[in-house]
Amino acid sequence: MSLPKFIVGMIFALAIVVGWSYFDDASLGTIIMRAVICAVVIQVGYFLLIYAMIARSSPTSAAKTHEVDRGIKVAEGERLTARRGSLR
């Protein structure tokens, strides 16, 4: 989940908690307390989700990283320069 999606979802969740508290005739202090608790719970959940995703992924070695094809095809002995493909 990307950060912008998370932030939008968190704002909607907090709006629902605030609206529910308001229509429940809660005091302003109770509304703020519920919103803060909701925000903390959402933040902890997001942190745990990201931590689980990182822990679950396998580490890649430097050799594997260099072997990855980046889509650039170079002939044997050719050098990559800034002028490759230019008219000069």
Protein backbone atom coordinates (compact mmCIF):
# COMPACT_ATOMS: atom_id res chain seq x y z
CA MET A 1 0.00 0.00 0.00
CA SER A 2 1.40 3.36 -0.96
CA LEU A 3 1.60 6.26 1.47
CA PRO A 4 -0.97 8.49 -0.31
CA LYS A 5 -3.55 5.67 -0.28
CA PHE A 6 -2.83 5.11 3.40
CA ILE A 7 -3.27 8.79 4.24
CA VAL A 8 -6.57 9.05 2.35
CA GLY A 9 -7.85 5.89 4.04
CA MET A 10 -6.79 7.17 7.44
CA ILE A 11 -8.55 10.49 6.90
CA PHE A 12 -11.77 8.68 5.94
CA ALA A 13 -11.52 6.39 8.97
CA LEU A 14 -10.96 9.36 11.28
CA ALA A 15 -13.88 11.22 9.69
CA ILE A 16 -16.13 8.24 10.35
CA VAL A 17 -14.99 8.04 13.99
CA VAL A 18 -15.51 11.78 14.47
CA GLY A 19 -18.93 11.68 12.79
CA TRP A 20 -20.02 8.66 14.83
CA SER A 21 -18.86 10.36 18.03
CA TYR A 22 -20.65 13.59 17.12
CA PHE A 23 -23.95 11.85 16.37
CA ASP A 24 -23.53 9.84 19.58
CA ASP A 25 -23.66 13.19 21.43
CA ALA A 26 -20.14 12.81 22.79
CA SER A 27 -18.32 15.77 24.27
CA LEU A 28 -15.57 17.52 22.35
CA GLY A 29 -12.91 15.95 24.59
CA THR A 30 -14.31 12.46 23.94
CA ILE A 31 -14.40 13.09 20.18
CA ILE A 32 -10.76 14.22 20.18
CA MET A 33 -9.71 11.29 22.39
CA ARG A 34 -11.44 8.78 20.10
CA ALA A 35 -9.86 10.36 17.01
CA VAL A 36 -6.37 10.28 18.54
CA ILE A 37 -6.75 6.65 19.66
CA CYS A 38 -8.03 5.71 16.20
CA ALA A 39 -5.09 7.47 14.52
CA VAL A 40 -2.58 5.71 16.79
CA VAL A 41 -4.13 2.30 16.15
CA ILE A 42 -4.06 2.90 12.38
CA GLN A 43 -0.42 4.07 12.50
CA VAL A 44 0.67 1.03 14.52
CA GLY A 45 -1.17 -1.26 12.11
CA TYR A 46 0.50 0.38 9.11
CA PHE A 47 3.92 0.09 10.75
CA LEU A 48 3.35 -3.61 11.47
CA LEU A 49 2.19 -4.20 7.90
CA ILE A 50 5.31 -2.57 6.45
CA TYR A 51 7.53 -4.43 8.93
CA ALA A 52 5.93 -7.76 7.96
CA MET A 53 6.42 -7.01 4.25
CA ILE A 54 10.10 -6.23 4.80
CA ALA A 55 10.67 -9.26 7.05
CA ARG A 56 8.96 -11.57 4.55
CA SER A 57 11.06 -10.44 1.57
CA SER A 58 14.29 -12.32 0.96
CA PRO A 59 17.52 -10.33 0.81
CA THR A 60 19.22 -10.05 -2.56
CA SER A 61 22.95 -10.30 -2.96
CA ALA A 62 25.01 -7.70 -4.79
CA ALA A 63 25.81 -10.25 -7.50
CA LYS A 64 22.13 -10.81 -8.25
CA THR A 65 21.53 -7.08 -8.35
CA HIS A 66 24.23 -6.58 -10.99
CA GLU A 67 22.90 -9.46 -13.11
CA VAL A 68 19.52 -7.84 -13.53
CA ASP A 69 18.86 -6.83 -17.12
CA ARG A 70 18.00 -3.16 -17.18
CA GLY A 71 16.84 -3.23 -20.79
CA ILE A 72 20.05 -1.79 -22.26
CA LYS A 73 21.56 -3.97 -24.97
CA VAL A 74 25.28 -3.37 -25.51
CA ALA A 75 27.38 -5.18 -28.09
CA GLU A 76 30.58 -6.87 -26.94
CA GLY A 77 33.33 -4.27 -26.57
CA GLU A 78 31.01 -1.27 -27.05
CA ARG A 79 31.24 1.55 -24.55
CA LEU A 80 28.25 3.39 -23.15
CA THR A 81 28.64 7.11 -23.66
CA ALA A 82 26.31 10.06 -23.53
CA ARG A 83 26.54 10.38 -27.31
CA ARG A 84 25.33 6.85 -28.11
CA GLY A 85 22.78 7.11 -30.88
CA SER A 86 23.53 10.75 -31.64
CA LEU A 87 24.01 12.02 -35.20
CA ARG A 88 27.66 13.03 -34.72
